[in-house]
Amino acid sequence: MRELLNNKIEYICDLEALRMRLHSEDMESEIFIRALELLEEARPLLKPAFAIKEVSVGQIGENGITIGGQFFNSKIVANKLKDETNVFSYIATCGREISQFIENTTDAIDQYILDQIAYLAYLEAMNQMTLAAENQFGIKRQIRLCPGSVIDWSVADVKKIFALMDGLYQGLDVSVLSSGLIDPLKSTSGIFYASDEEFESCAICSRVNCETRQMEYDEDLHDKMVNL
């Protein structure tokens, strides 16, 4: 089974993307100038990273699916993976050091700016993971399914993703809390697999004002998949 760990990503912040996330009209605004100052200070702490591990798909039951020996309670995930033999578990993160830096920052505006910088670092980890999946594993298009994002898949199952990736996730300096949230928070985990299907879990998630939305909510698809 294939696996990959990359915790040596050289991160260069996309200043235009940062400007947009800060809702700054231009790069001469007070908030953006402050962002550049904070970026320079935080640059050594921005350490986006990811890990990928191929795992086998096992038995599919009425209420879920076994992957790599771990049972995931989700009818939707079971339905999406019913024709798959192997899939990839993953974890991606912005890095612990920047998160600790944000926690120790007392100014609310500076915290907000640093939070946006950390989020962009996390997105870079995801981008690099997508490229690695294509270049090294030949996966040109992937569908990602994440506990907490798929409507019937509890975030508590993040702990099972970590169990699948024991021996790899330690290289990312991340940990999973009892709630299923990942520390540091600008991190995600889940399953991805190769597919030409046009699908994102966002399509069946009705959450309002989600900054990570990739696809419009489809109420009909939601009802169809939830009532499998």
Protein backbone atom coordinates (compact mmCIF):
# COMPACT_ATOMS: atom_id res chain seq x y z
CA MET A 1 0.00 0.00 0.00
CA ARG A 2 1.28 3.43 -0.95
CA GLU A 3 1.85 6.29 1.47
CA LEU A 4 3.39 9.74 1.43
CA LEU A 5 4.38 12.34 4.01
CA ASN A 6 5.39 15.88 3.05
CA ASN A 7 6.23 18.21 5.92
CA LYS A 8 8.81 20.22 3.97
CA ILE A 9 6.53 22.39 1.82
CA GLU A 10 8.09 25.72 0.92
CA TYR A 11 5.20 28.14 1.41
CA ILE A 12 4.93 31.46 -0.42
CA CYS A 13 1.82 33.41 0.54
CA ASP A 14 -0.46 34.50 -2.33
CA LEU A 15 -0.81 38.19 -1.51
CA GLU A 16 -3.83 38.70 -3.75
CA ALA A 17 -5.62 35.79 -2.07
CA LEU A 18 -4.75 37.29 1.31
CA ARG A 19 -6.10 40.68 0.23
CA MET A 20 -9.38 39.07 -0.78
CA ARG A 21 -9.72 37.11 2.45
CA LEU A 22 -9.19 40.31 4.42
CA HIS A 23 -11.83 42.08 2.27
CA SER A 24 -9.31 44.82 1.64
CA GLU A 25 -10.06 47.11 -1.33
CA ASP A 26 -6.39 47.41 -2.21
CA MET A 27 -2.90 46.63 -0.98
CA GLU A 28 -2.46 50.10 0.44
CA SER A 29 -5.14 49.72 3.10
CA GLU A 30 -4.25 49.84 6.77
CA ILE A 31 -5.29 46.24 7.40
CA PHE A 32 -3.30 44.89 4.46
CA ILE A 33 -0.15 46.80 5.43
CA ARG A 34 -0.52 45.33 8.90
CA ALA A 35 -1.00 41.89 7.32
CA LEU A 36 2.32 42.23 5.48
CA GLU A 37 4.04 43.06 8.78
CA LEU A 38 2.50 40.04 10.49
CA LEU A 39 3.26 37.81 7.52
CA GLU A 40 6.93 38.67 7.75
CA GLU A 41 6.90 37.86 11.46
CA ALA A 42 4.97 34.64 11.01
CA ARG A 43 6.74 33.36 7.90
CA PRO A 44 9.13 30.98 9.74
CA LEU A 45 6.13 29.48 11.57
CA LEU A 46 4.09 28.65 8.46
CA LYS A 47 4.68 24.95 7.89
CA PRO A 48 1.88 23.44 5.80
CA ALA A 49 2.12 19.67 5.54
CA PHE A 50 0.12 16.61 4.56
CA ALA A 51 0.14 12.83 4.77
CA ILE A 52 -1.55 10.28 2.49
CA LYS A 53 -2.00 6.56 3.05
CA GLU A 54 -3.64 4.02 0.77
CA VAL A 55 -6.04 1.69 2.57
CA SER A 56 -8.25 -1.17 1.48
CA VAL A 57 -12.03 -1.03 1.36
CA GLY A 58 -13.59 -3.91 3.26
CA GLN A 59 -17.10 -5.01 4.00
CA ILE A 60 -20.02 -2.71 3.25
CA GLY A 61 -22.88 -2.98 5.73
CA GLU A 62 -26.35 -1.54 5.98
CA ASN A 63 -25.18 1.46 7.99
CA GLY A 64 -21.58 1.96 6.97
CA ILE A 65 -18.33 0.63 5.61
CA THR A 66 -15.08 -0.88 6.86
CA ILE A 67 -11.91 0.81 5.59
CA GLY A 68 -8.47 -0.38 6.62
CA GLY A 69 -10.03 -2.36 9.46
CA GLN A 70 -11.92 0.66 10.84
CA PHE A 71 -15.73 0.80 10.63
CA PHE A 72 -17.15 4.16 9.56
CA ASN A 73 -20.82 4.67 10.33
CA SER A 74 -22.14 6.49 7.24
CA LYS A 75 -24.59 5.26 4.63
CA ILE A 76 -23.45 8.01 2.27
CA VAL A 77 -19.77 7.08 2.50
CA ALA A 78 -20.65 3.41 2.04
CA ASN A 79 -22.69 4.26 -1.05
CA LYS A 80 -19.96 6.44 -2.58
CA LEU A 81 -17.28 3.80 -2.03
CA LYS A 82 -19.25 0.68 -2.90
CA ASP A 83 -17.32 0.17 -6.16
CA GLU A 84 -13.87 1.01 -4.76
CA THR A 85 -11.19 -1.50 -3.80
CA ASN A 86 -8.65 0.93 -2.32
CA VAL A 87 -8.94 4.56 -1.20
CA PHE A 88 -6.61 7.07 0.45
CA SER A 89 -6.86 8.45 3.96
CA TYR A 90 -5.30 11.87 4.48
CA ILE A 91 -4.49 14.62 6.96
CA ALA A 92 -3.49 18.17 5.96
CA THR A 93 -2.50 21.05 8.24
CA CYS A 94 -1.20 24.62 8.37
CA GLY A 95 1.31 23.62 11.06
CA ARG A 96 1.29 23.78 14.84
CA GLU A 97 3.73 26.67 15.32
CA ILE A 98 1.59 29.27 13.56
CA SER A 99 -1.45 28.13 15.56
CA GLN A 100 0.41 28.55 18.83
CA PHE A 101 1.57 31.99 17.69
CA ILE A 102 -2.06 32.98 17.03
CA GLU A 103 -3.16 31.70 20.44
CA ASN A 104 -0.50 33.86 22.11
CA THR A 105 -1.50 36.99 20.17
CA THR A 106 -3.66 39.28 22.29
CA ASP A 107 -4.81 41.83 19.70
CA ALA A 108 -8.12 40.74 18.14
CA ILE A 109 -7.42 42.26 14.71
CA ASP A 110 -3.95 40.72 14.57
CA GLN A 111 -5.50 37.36 15.51
CA TYR A 112 -7.99 37.69 12.67
CA ILE A 113 -5.26 38.53 10.14
CA LEU A 114 -3.02 35.69 11.31
CA ASP A 115 -5.97 33.32 11.16
CA GLN A 116 -6.46 34.16 7.47
CA ILE A 117 -2.75 33.67 6.80
CA ALA A 118 -2.87 30.27 8.53
CA TYR A 119 -5.93 29.29 6.50
CA LEU A 120 -4.09 30.06 3.26
CA ALA A 121 -1.19 27.92 4.46
CA TYR A 122 -3.64 25.08 5.07
CA LEU A 123 -5.03 25.53 1.53
CA GLU A 124 -1.49 25.25 0.19
CA ALA A 125 -1.12 21.91 2.00
CA MET A 126 -4.31 20.73 0.31
CA ASN A 127 -3.12 21.98 -3.09
CA GLN A 128 0.21 20.20 -2.72
CA MET A 129 -1.59 17.03 -1.66
CA THR A 130 -3.75 17.17 -4.80
CA LEU A 131 -0.68 17.63 -6.98
CA ALA A 132 1.15 14.77 -5.25
CA ALA A 133 -1.84 12.46 -5.74
CA GLU A 134 -1.76 13.22 -9.45
CA ASN A 135 2.01 13.17 -10.01
CA GLN A 136 2.89 10.19 -7.84
CA PHE A 137 -0.28 8.10 -7.80
CA GLY A 138 -1.81 9.07 -11.16
CA ILE A 139 -5.03 10.43 -9.63
CA LYS A 140 -6.05 13.27 -11.96
CA ARG A 141 -9.35 13.98 -10.23
CA GLN A 142 -10.28 13.05 -6.70
CA ILE A 143 -13.38 13.15 -4.55
CA ARG A 144 -12.83 13.92 -0.87
CA LEU A 145 -15.14 12.81 1.93
CA CYS A 146 -14.59 14.20 5.42
CA PRO A 147 -16.13 13.33 8.79
CA GLY A 148 -18.33 16.21 9.86
CA SER A 149 -18.74 17.45 6.28
CA VAL A 150 -20.66 14.44 5.01
CA ILE A 151 -24.02 14.93 6.71
CA ASP A 152 -24.34 11.44 8.25
CA TRP A 153 -20.66 10.99 9.09
CA SER A 154 -19.79 12.08 12.63
CA VAL A 155 -16.71 14.22 13.21
CA ALA A 156 -15.87 11.78 16.01
CA ASP A 157 -14.69 9.38 13.29
CA VAL A 158 -11.68 11.63 12.71
CA LYS A 159 -10.12 9.55 15.50
CA LYS A 160 -10.45 6.49 13.24
CA ILE A 161 -8.73 8.34 10.37
CA PHE A 162 -5.85 9.00 12.75
CA ALA A 163 -5.82 5.31 13.69
CA LEU A 164 -5.50 4.42 10.01
CA MET A 165 -2.54 6.79 9.73
CA ASP A 166 -0.67 5.88 12.88
CA GLY A 167 3.04 6.22 12.16
CA LEU A 168 2.43 8.97 9.59
CA TYR A 169 0.42 11.65 11.39
CA GLN A 170 3.14 12.03 14.02
CA GLY A 171 5.30 13.55 11.28
CA LEU A 172 2.75 16.34 10.93
CA ASP A 173 2.82 17.29 14.63
CA VAL A 174 -0.98 17.11 14.84
CA SER A 175 -3.28 15.40 17.32
CA VAL A 176 -6.97 14.57 17.53
CA LEU A 177 -9.08 15.72 20.47
CA SER A 178 -11.75 13.61 22.15
CA SER A 179 -14.37 15.64 20.23
CA GLY A 180 -12.84 14.62 16.91
CA LEU A 181 -11.49 18.09 16.19
CA ILE A 182 -7.87 18.31 15.11
CA ASP A 183 -5.24 20.34 16.93
CA PRO A 184 -4.20 22.67 15.32
CA LEU A 185 -7.62 23.72 14.06
CA LYS A 186 -6.55 24.73 10.54
CA SER A 187 -6.32 21.05 9.66
CA THR A 188 -8.59 18.47 8.06
CA SER A 189 -8.70 14.74 7.56
CA GLY A 190 -10.75 12.33 5.51
CA ILE A 191 -10.83 9.90 2.62
CA PHE A 192 -10.26 10.57 -1.08
CA TYR A 193 -10.47 8.37 -4.14
CA ALA A 194 -10.06 8.69 -7.90
CA SER A 195 -13.24 9.54 -9.80
CA ASP A 196 -14.46 11.48 -12.81
CA GLU A 197 -17.74 12.19 -11.04
CA GLU A 198 -18.64 15.82 -10.37
CA PHE A 199 -19.30 15.59 -6.64
CA GLU A 200 -18.35 17.49 -3.51
CA SER A 201 -19.76 16.77 -0.06
CA CYS A 202 -20.76 20.47 -0.04
CA ALA A 203 -23.59 19.51 -2.43
CA ILE A 204 -25.39 17.70 0.39
CA CYS A 205 -24.47 20.09 3.21
CA SER A 206 -26.95 22.88 3.98
CA ARG A 207 -24.58 24.85 6.21
CA VAL A 208 -24.96 28.59 5.56
CA ASN A 209 -21.98 30.93 4.97
CA CYS A 210 -19.35 28.19 4.80
CA GLU A 211 -16.04 29.67 3.65
CA THR A 212 -14.79 26.33 2.30
CA ARG A 213 -17.83 25.59 0.11
CA GLN A 214 -16.81 24.11 -3.27
CA MET A 215 -20.25 23.32 -4.71
CA GLU A 216 -23.77 24.72 -4.29
CA TYR A 217 -26.16 22.91 -1.96
CA ASP A 218 -28.43 20.53 -3.88
CA GLU A 219 -31.55 19.83 -1.84
CA ASP A 220 -32.78 17.03 -4.11
CA LEU A 221 -29.39 15.26 -3.99
CA HIS A 222 -29.30 15.75 -0.24
CA ASP A 223 -32.71 14.10 0.22
CA LYS A 224 -31.78 11.27 -2.12
CA MET A 225 -28.50 10.45 -0.37
CA VAL A 226 -29.74 10.91 3.18
CA ASN A 227 -32.69 8.61 2.56
CA LEU A 228 -30.71 5.78 0.97
